[in-house]
Structures are given as C-alpha cells and as structure tokens.
C-alpha cells in the first residue's frame, strides 16, 4: 500500500549554493504539498544514525562528513503516490544520468553532492520523517 507522504532533505550543497527556493518551487510545481519544513544542522551523531544503513559502505565516512558540514532543509511532502513521484522528480543519484528537468540534473554536481535526499520506500519515508519531525511539527 502506498502512502501520500514522503521525506526529503535539501543537502548542504543545495543550501550553500542558495538553491532552497528554486528546489522548493520545483517541488510545489510538481503538485506536492509541504506538511513540515525546517532548516536544521545535522550533528555527527544524527548523520551516523540517519545513514546507518550505509555504515559498511566505503563512502559512509565521507557521507557523514558531507551531511554535517552545513545546514540542511528537512521536509515532509504530501501527494498521491508521494514516494514514487518524488523519486521521479529528483532523478538518478548521478546527475549525469538524471533525466532532463529533474532536481538532480538541475542542481547536483556529482554523485556525492547530489543536492537532495528522497525516501526510497513508504516505510523509510515514515522512519525518516519521524527522525526529523515530531507529530506537532507536521501539518
């Protein structure tokens, strides 16, 4: 069963480059409703916990370092078929392989600095949303 919510995070490179507004506009234009939004800074502990699934991967340390180097924008988005539709909107992890018009094609510079995170399943969307937001922060 699919849900109507997904989680996204505009990564430090997006914030550093001043792309928050442009990315949020693409999200709104694609029909998503923002139900929670905040600018926040992940601690080392936060990033390690959030990306624990990648702990054994060779890029884990670099990922944690990247995600803690500056602020991120965390958001919960609502739309019918939210997870799948958002994954299509952000495009492939490698911006060189991302479809024209996708967020990563427009704003990412590399596989490691790929502008935005998007949940890959309904289950992970719920877990990731709860990691960053309390119930009273979701509207």
Protein backbone atom coordinates (compact mmCIF):
# COMPACT_ATOMS: atom_id res chain seq x y z
CA UNK A 1 0.00 0.00 0.00
CA UNK A 2 1.40 3.40 -0.91
CA UNK A 3 1.11 6.40 1.35
CA UNK A 4 0.62 10.00 0.47
CA UNK A 5 3.72 11.28 2.27
CA UNK A 6 7.44 11.21 1.67
CA UNK A 7 10.51 12.76 3.25
CA UNK A 8 13.11 14.93 1.58
CA UNK A 9 16.20 16.75 2.67
CA UNK A 10 17.90 19.50 0.70
CA UNK A 11 21.53 18.69 1.32
CA UNK A 12 24.30 21.10 2.39
CA UNK A 13 25.40 21.79 -1.19
CA UNK A 14 21.90 22.99 -2.09
CA UNK A 15 21.77 25.28 0.92
CA UNK A 16 25.32 26.61 0.31
CA UNK A 17 24.51 27.46 -3.31
CA UNK A 18 21.29 29.28 -2.43
CA UNK A 19 19.06 26.78 -4.22
CA UNK A 20 16.45 26.30 -1.48
CA UNK A 21 13.80 28.48 -3.12
CA UNK A 22 14.32 27.09 -6.62
CA UNK A 23 14.11 23.49 -5.40
CA UNK A 24 11.03 24.15 -3.27
CA UNK A 25 9.41 25.80 -6.30
CA UNK A 26 10.03 22.63 -8.37
CA UNK A 27 8.51 20.56 -5.56
CA UNK A 28 5.42 22.80 -5.40
CA UNK A 29 5.07 22.90 -9.19
CA UNK A 30 5.05 19.08 -9.21
CA UNK A 31 1.95 19.11 -7.02
CA UNK A 32 3.47 18.30 -3.64
CA UNK A 33 2.13 19.97 -0.51
CA UNK A 34 4.71 20.73 2.18
CA UNK A 35 3.38 19.47 5.53
CA UNK A 36 6.57 20.05 7.55
CA UNK A 37 9.66 22.14 6.83
CA UNK A 38 12.74 23.26 8.73
CA UNK A 39 16.29 24.48 8.31
CA UNK A 40 18.49 22.45 10.64
CA UNK A 41 22.05 21.25 11.15
CA UNK A 42 22.72 17.55 11.50
CA UNK A 43 25.22 16.58 14.18
CA UNK A 44 27.76 13.82 13.62
CA UNK A 45 25.57 11.52 15.73
CA UNK A 46 22.46 12.48 13.72
CA UNK A 47 24.11 11.80 10.37
CA UNK A 48 25.57 8.47 11.54
CA UNK A 49 22.16 7.36 12.78
CA UNK A 50 20.24 8.61 9.74
CA UNK A 51 22.62 6.90 7.30
CA UNK A 52 23.30 3.80 9.44
CA UNK A 53 22.06 1.63 6.57
CA UNK A 54 25.24 2.63 4.70
CA UNK A 55 27.60 2.02 7.63
CA UNK A 56 29.52 -0.78 5.91
CA UNK A 57 29.84 1.07 2.61
CA UNK A 58 33.18 2.69 1.70
CA UNK A 59 31.57 6.14 1.27
CA UNK A 60 29.94 6.21 4.73
CA UNK A 61 32.55 8.43 6.40
CA UNK A 62 32.52 10.93 3.54
CA UNK A 63 28.71 10.94 3.56
CA UNK A 64 28.59 11.74 7.28
CA UNK A 65 31.19 14.49 6.85
CA UNK A 66 29.28 15.98 3.91
CA UNK A 67 25.91 15.92 5.66
CA UNK A 68 27.29 17.67 8.75
CA UNK A 69 29.27 20.41 7.01
CA UNK A 70 26.36 22.84 6.89
CA UNK A 71 22.63 23.26 7.30
CA UNK A 72 20.05 21.12 5.53
CA UNK A 73 16.36 21.70 4.82
CA UNK A 74 14.21 18.80 6.01
CA UNK A 75 10.67 18.47 4.70
CA UNK A 76 7.71 16.14 4.61
CA UNK A 77 5.78 16.23 1.37
CA UNK A 78 2.26 15.09 0.62
CA UNK A 79 0.81 13.95 -2.68
CA UNK A 80 -0.86 10.86 -4.04
CA UNK A 81 1.87 8.27 -4.73
CA UNK A 82 4.35 10.56 -2.97
CA UNK A 83 7.43 8.33 -2.74
CA UNK A 84 7.44 7.17 -6.34
CA UNK A 85 6.50 10.56 -7.77
CA UNK A 86 9.19 12.33 -5.73
CA UNK A 87 11.86 9.83 -6.74
CA UNK A 88 10.97 10.58 -10.37
CA UNK A 89 11.15 14.33 -9.69
CA UNK A 90 14.62 14.19 -8.12
CA UNK A 91 16.15 11.91 -10.76
CA UNK A 92 19.05 9.48 -10.67
CA UNK A 93 21.69 9.76 -7.94
CA UNK A 94 24.31 10.52 -10.58
CA UNK A 95 23.30 13.89 -12.07
CA UNK A 96 24.92 12.92 -15.37
CA UNK A 97 22.38 10.09 -15.64
CA UNK A 98 19.42 12.08 -14.31
CA UNK A 99 16.61 12.96 -16.71
CA UNK A 100 16.38 16.49 -18.06
CA UNK A 101 14.38 18.75 -15.76
CA UNK A 102 14.87 16.67 -12.62
CA UNK A 103 16.16 18.30 -9.46
CA UNK A 104 19.47 16.47 -9.57
CA UNK A 105 20.02 17.26 -13.25
CA UNK A 106 19.45 20.94 -12.49
CA UNK A 107 21.15 21.35 -9.11
CA UNK A 108 23.53 18.44 -8.34
CA UNK A 109 27.20 18.49 -9.28
CA UNK A 110 28.24 14.88 -8.59
CA UNK A 111 27.12 11.55 -7.16
CA UNK A 112 28.40 12.57 -3.74
CA UNK A 113 26.99 16.13 -3.85
CA UNK A 114 23.62 15.27 -5.33
CA UNK A 115 21.54 18.16 -3.94
CA UNK A 116 18.65 16.29 -2.36
CA UNK A 117 17.63 13.16 -0.47
CA UNK A 118 14.35 11.40 -1.17
CA UNK A 119 12.89 8.44 0.68
CA UNK A 120 13.06 5.18 -1.28
CA UNK A 121 10.01 3.48 0.25
CA UNK A 122 6.87 4.26 2.22
CA UNK A 123 8.40 2.58 5.28
CA UNK A 124 11.58 4.67 5.07
CA UNK A 125 9.55 7.83 4.46
CA UNK A 126 7.79 7.29 7.79
CA UNK A 127 11.04 6.48 9.62
CA UNK A 128 12.93 9.43 8.13
CA UNK A 129 10.06 11.83 8.77
CA UNK A 130 9.88 10.78 12.43
CA UNK A 131 13.67 11.17 12.71
CA UNK A 132 13.44 14.89 11.86
CA UNK A 133 9.95 15.93 12.98
CA UNK A 134 7.68 15.46 15.97
CA UNK A 135 3.96 14.91 15.38
CA UNK A 136 3.24 18.52 16.42
CA UNK A 137 5.54 19.80 13.66
CA UNK A 138 3.54 18.13 10.87
CA UNK A 139 0.53 19.94 9.41
